[in-house]
N, C-alpha and C. Protein backbone atom coordinates (compact mmCIF):
# COMPACT_ATOMS: atom_id res chain seq x y z
N UNK A 1 -4.98 -57.86 -35.99
CA UNK A 1 -4.37 -57.56 -37.08
C UNK A 1 -3.28 -57.47 -36.05
N UNK A 2 -1.77 -57.43 -36.81
CA UNK A 2 -0.40 -57.33 -35.82
C UNK A 2 0.32 -55.68 -36.27
N UNK A 3 0.60 -54.62 -35.99
CA UNK A 3 0.93 -54.27 -35.88
C UNK A 3 2.12 -53.81 -35.65
N UNK A 4 3.16 -54.19 -36.61
CA UNK A 4 5.06 -53.52 -36.43
C UNK A 4 5.19 -52.92 -36.58
N UNK A 5 5.62 -51.84 -36.41
CA UNK A 5 7.25 -50.56 -36.80
C UNK A 5 5.87 -49.38 -36.94
N UNK A 6 4.73 -49.62 -36.96
CA UNK A 6 3.43 -48.25 -37.84
C UNK A 6 3.20 -49.61 -38.51
N UNK A 7 3.36 -50.58 -38.73
CA UNK A 7 3.10 -51.33 -40.17
C UNK A 7 1.87 -52.08 -39.34
N UNK A 8 1.04 -52.61 -40.62
CA UNK A 8 -0.74 -53.61 -40.00
C UNK A 8 0.89 -54.87 -40.96
N UNK A 9 0.21 -55.88 -40.37
CA UNK A 9 1.20 -57.27 -41.12
C UNK A 9 -0.34 -57.78 -41.19
N UNK A 10 -0.36 -58.05 -42.78
CA UNK A 10 -2.07 -58.38 -42.99
C UNK A 10 -1.15 -59.92 -42.56
N UNK A 11 -3.01 -60.40 -42.14
CA UNK A 11 -2.82 -61.59 -40.37
C UNK A 11 -2.72 -62.87 -41.09
N UNK A 12 -3.77 -63.30 -42.62
CA UNK A 12 -2.97 -64.09 -43.16
C UNK A 12 -1.80 -64.88 -43.63
N UNK A 13 -1.00 -63.95 -43.89
CA UNK A 13 0.28 -64.40 -44.59
C UNK A 13 1.57 -65.57 -43.02
N UNK A 14 2.71 -65.32 -43.62
CA UNK A 14 2.43 -66.10 -43.33
C UNK A 14 4.40 -65.82 -42.23
N UNK A 15 4.29 -65.49 -41.37
CA UNK A 15 5.81 -64.60 -41.00
C UNK A 15 6.22 -64.73 -41.45
N UNK A 16 7.32 -64.89 -41.72
CA UNK A 16 8.11 -64.61 -42.75
C UNK A 16 8.06 -63.83 -44.67
N UNK A 17 6.54 -64.08 -44.66
CA UNK A 17 6.11 -63.20 -45.69
C UNK A 17 5.75 -61.28 -45.22
N UNK A 18 4.86 -61.60 -43.94
CA UNK A 18 4.14 -60.84 -42.96
C UNK A 18 5.34 -60.43 -42.72
N UNK A 19 5.80 -59.41 -42.69
CA UNK A 19 7.47 -58.88 -41.98
C UNK A 19 8.12 -58.03 -43.31
N UNK A 20 8.69 -58.41 -44.00
CA UNK A 20 8.85 -58.33 -46.12
C UNK A 20 7.76 -56.84 -45.71
N UNK A 21 5.75 -56.71 -45.39
CA UNK A 21 5.21 -55.41 -44.97
C UNK A 21 6.00 -53.99 -44.78
N UNK A 22 7.15 -54.17 -44.38
CA UNK A 22 7.71 -53.23 -43.35
C UNK A 22 9.07 -52.59 -44.17
N UNK A 23 8.69 -51.81 -44.12
CA UNK A 23 10.18 -50.71 -45.22
C UNK A 23 11.30 -52.00 -44.76
N UNK A 24 12.38 -51.97 -45.35
CA UNK A 24 13.63 -52.53 -45.57
C UNK A 24 13.57 -53.45 -45.09
N UNK A 25 13.29 -55.04 -45.18
CA UNK A 25 12.72 -55.84 -44.68
C UNK A 25 12.00 -56.79 -45.72
N UNK A 26 13.59 -57.66 -46.03
CA UNK A 26 12.75 -57.95 -47.58
C UNK A 26 12.89 -60.14 -47.17
N UNK A 27 13.62 -60.74 -47.79
CA UNK A 27 12.45 -62.13 -47.38
C UNK A 27 14.04 -62.65 -46.78
N UNK A 28 15.16 -62.74 -46.40
CA UNK A 28 16.32 -62.99 -46.52
C UNK A 28 16.54 -62.68 -44.30
N UNK A 29 16.55 -60.98 -44.12
CA UNK A 29 15.83 -60.84 -43.20
C UNK A 29 15.19 -60.69 -42.34
N UNK A 30 13.75 -60.94 -42.99
CA UNK A 30 12.18 -61.63 -42.00
C UNK A 30 12.98 -62.93 -41.14
N UNK A 31 13.73 -64.06 -41.92
CA UNK A 31 13.69 -65.30 -41.83
C UNK A 31 14.54 -65.19 -41.05
N UNK A 32 16.13 -64.05 -40.46
CA UNK A 32 16.73 -64.22 -39.22
C UNK A 32 16.29 -63.32 -38.38
N UNK A 33 15.22 -62.25 -38.44
CA UNK A 33 14.23 -62.16 -37.18
C UNK A 33 13.61 -63.39 -37.29
N UNK A 34 13.29 -64.28 -37.28
CA UNK A 34 12.20 -65.61 -37.53
C UNK A 34 13.48 -66.18 -36.31
N UNK A 35 14.88 -66.43 -36.91
CA UNK A 35 15.36 -67.20 -36.07
C UNK A 35 15.53 -66.55 -34.43
N UNK A 36 16.23 -65.48 -35.17
CA UNK A 36 16.60 -64.77 -33.31
C UNK A 36 15.32 -65.05 -32.21
N UNK A 37 14.48 -65.26 -33.13
CA UNK A 37 13.34 -65.19 -32.14
C UNK A 37 12.23 -66.75 -32.19
N UNK A 38 13.35 -67.24 -32.47
CA UNK A 38 12.62 -68.41 -31.68
C UNK A 38 10.86 -69.47 -33.10
N UNK A 39 10.57 -68.20 -33.68
CA UNK A 39 9.53 -68.90 -34.82
C UNK A 39 9.76 -69.14 -35.62
N UNK A 40 8.06 -69.85 -36.03
CA UNK A 40 8.47 -70.96 -37.26
C UNK A 40 8.46 -69.53 -38.05
N UNK A 41 8.61 -70.71 -39.54
CA UNK A 41 8.74 -69.56 -40.73
C UNK A 41 6.50 -69.38 -41.66
N UNK A 42 6.50 -70.84 -41.49
CA UNK A 42 5.07 -71.01 -42.06
C UNK A 42 4.44 -70.60 -41.13
N UNK A 43 4.37 -69.94 -39.89
CA UNK A 43 3.05 -69.69 -38.32
C UNK A 43 2.62 -68.18 -39.53
N UNK A 44 1.63 -68.49 -39.57
CA UNK A 44 0.58 -67.58 -40.20
C UNK A 44 0.69 -66.22 -38.26
N UNK A 45 0.55 -64.86 -39.16
CA UNK A 45 0.93 -63.70 -38.25
C UNK A 45 -0.19 -63.67 -37.27
N UNK A 46 -1.76 -64.65 -38.28
CA UNK A 46 -2.47 -63.95 -36.75
C UNK A 46 -2.61 -64.57 -35.91
N UNK A 47 -1.89 -66.49 -36.02
CA UNK A 47 -1.78 -67.65 -35.45
C UNK A 47 -0.01 -66.30 -34.04
N UNK A 48 0.23 -65.68 -34.64
CA UNK A 48 1.52 -65.26 -33.36
C UNK A 48 0.90 -64.79 -31.85
N UNK A 49 1.48 -65.13 -30.79
CA UNK A 49 1.48 -64.41 -30.38
C UNK A 49 2.25 -63.03 -29.48
N UNK A 50 1.14 -62.93 -28.53
CA UNK A 50 1.56 -61.41 -27.86
C UNK A 50 3.55 -61.18 -26.85
N UNK A 51 3.76 -62.45 -27.04
CA UNK A 51 4.88 -61.94 -27.20
C UNK A 51 6.12 -63.34 -27.93
N UNK A 52 5.26 -63.43 -28.97
CA UNK A 52 6.06 -63.26 -29.89
C UNK A 52 6.33 -62.23 -31.18
N UNK A 53 4.78 -61.18 -30.53
CA UNK A 53 5.10 -59.99 -31.03
C UNK A 53 5.78 -58.98 -31.01
N UNK A 54 6.67 -59.72 -29.57
CA UNK A 54 7.11 -58.81 -29.03
C UNK A 54 8.71 -59.19 -28.94
N UNK A 55 8.85 -59.59 -29.01
CA UNK A 55 9.73 -60.80 -29.94
C UNK A 55 10.66 -59.64 -30.26
N UNK A 56 9.39 -59.82 -31.97
CA UNK A 56 9.74 -59.53 -33.10
C UNK A 56 10.34 -58.46 -32.96
N UNK A 57 9.32 -56.68 -32.49
CA UNK A 57 9.30 -55.54 -32.55
C UNK A 57 11.25 -55.42 -31.72
N UNK A 58 11.24 -56.33 -30.48
CA UNK A 58 12.77 -55.92 -30.30
C UNK A 58 13.57 -56.83 -31.24
N UNK A 59 13.78 -57.58 -31.34
CA UNK A 59 14.42 -57.58 -32.38
C UNK A 59 14.58 -56.47 -33.30
N UNK A 60 13.47 -56.04 -34.68
CA UNK A 60 14.03 -55.40 -35.35
C UNK A 60 14.46 -53.53 -34.62
N UNK A 61 13.83 -53.16 -33.08
CA UNK A 61 15.34 -52.02 -32.46
C UNK A 61 15.88 -53.02 -32.50
N UNK A 62 15.85 -53.95 -32.05
CA UNK A 62 17.64 -54.16 -31.92
C UNK A 62 18.24 -54.58 -33.60
N UNK A 63 17.51 -54.82 -34.41
CA UNK A 63 18.61 -54.43 -35.31
C UNK A 63 19.25 -53.22 -36.62
N UNK A 64 17.61 -52.02 -36.27
CA UNK A 64 17.82 -50.81 -36.26
C UNK A 64 18.93 -49.90 -36.09
N UNK A 65 19.15 -50.00 -34.32
CA UNK A 65 19.54 -49.42 -33.97
C UNK A 65 21.62 -50.65 -33.94
N UNK A 66 21.96 -51.47 -34.26
CA UNK A 66 23.27 -51.95 -34.74
C UNK A 66 23.45 -52.03 -35.32
N UNK A 67 22.44 -51.66 -37.26
CA UNK A 67 22.52 -51.55 -38.22
C UNK A 67 23.29 -50.89 -39.46
N UNK A 68 24.15 -50.33 -39.14
CA UNK A 68 24.92 -49.09 -40.20
C UNK A 68 25.21 -48.87 -41.83
N UNK A 69 24.42 -50.42 -41.97
CA UNK A 69 24.88 -50.76 -43.49
C UNK A 69 23.13 -49.96 -43.65
N UNK A 70 22.50 -49.47 -43.27
CA UNK A 70 21.11 -48.52 -43.89
C UNK A 70 20.59 -49.71 -43.15
N UNK A 71 19.24 -50.08 -44.72
CA UNK A 71 18.08 -50.54 -44.28
C UNK A 71 17.06 -50.79 -44.25
N UNK A 72 16.84 -49.86 -42.78
CA UNK A 72 15.58 -49.58 -42.38
C UNK A 72 15.51 -47.98 -42.49
N UNK A 73 14.47 -47.75 -42.67
CA UNK A 73 14.85 -45.72 -43.17
C UNK A 73 14.64 -44.57 -42.06
């Protein structure tokens, strides 16, 4: 099971949908994260490699640091 930002992401979900389990990430932001990490929206969370998960974690951390509008709690 993938764990990102302290949240267990459901492995059977598509990456785009699974990321919405994290507070502050909706469909739009999840798509932007997938685009930035070069990950297909329809790729299942269980099929993501450790490298993919690391890219996602880095992108989320980058968004949290540079986002003055709020979003992430």
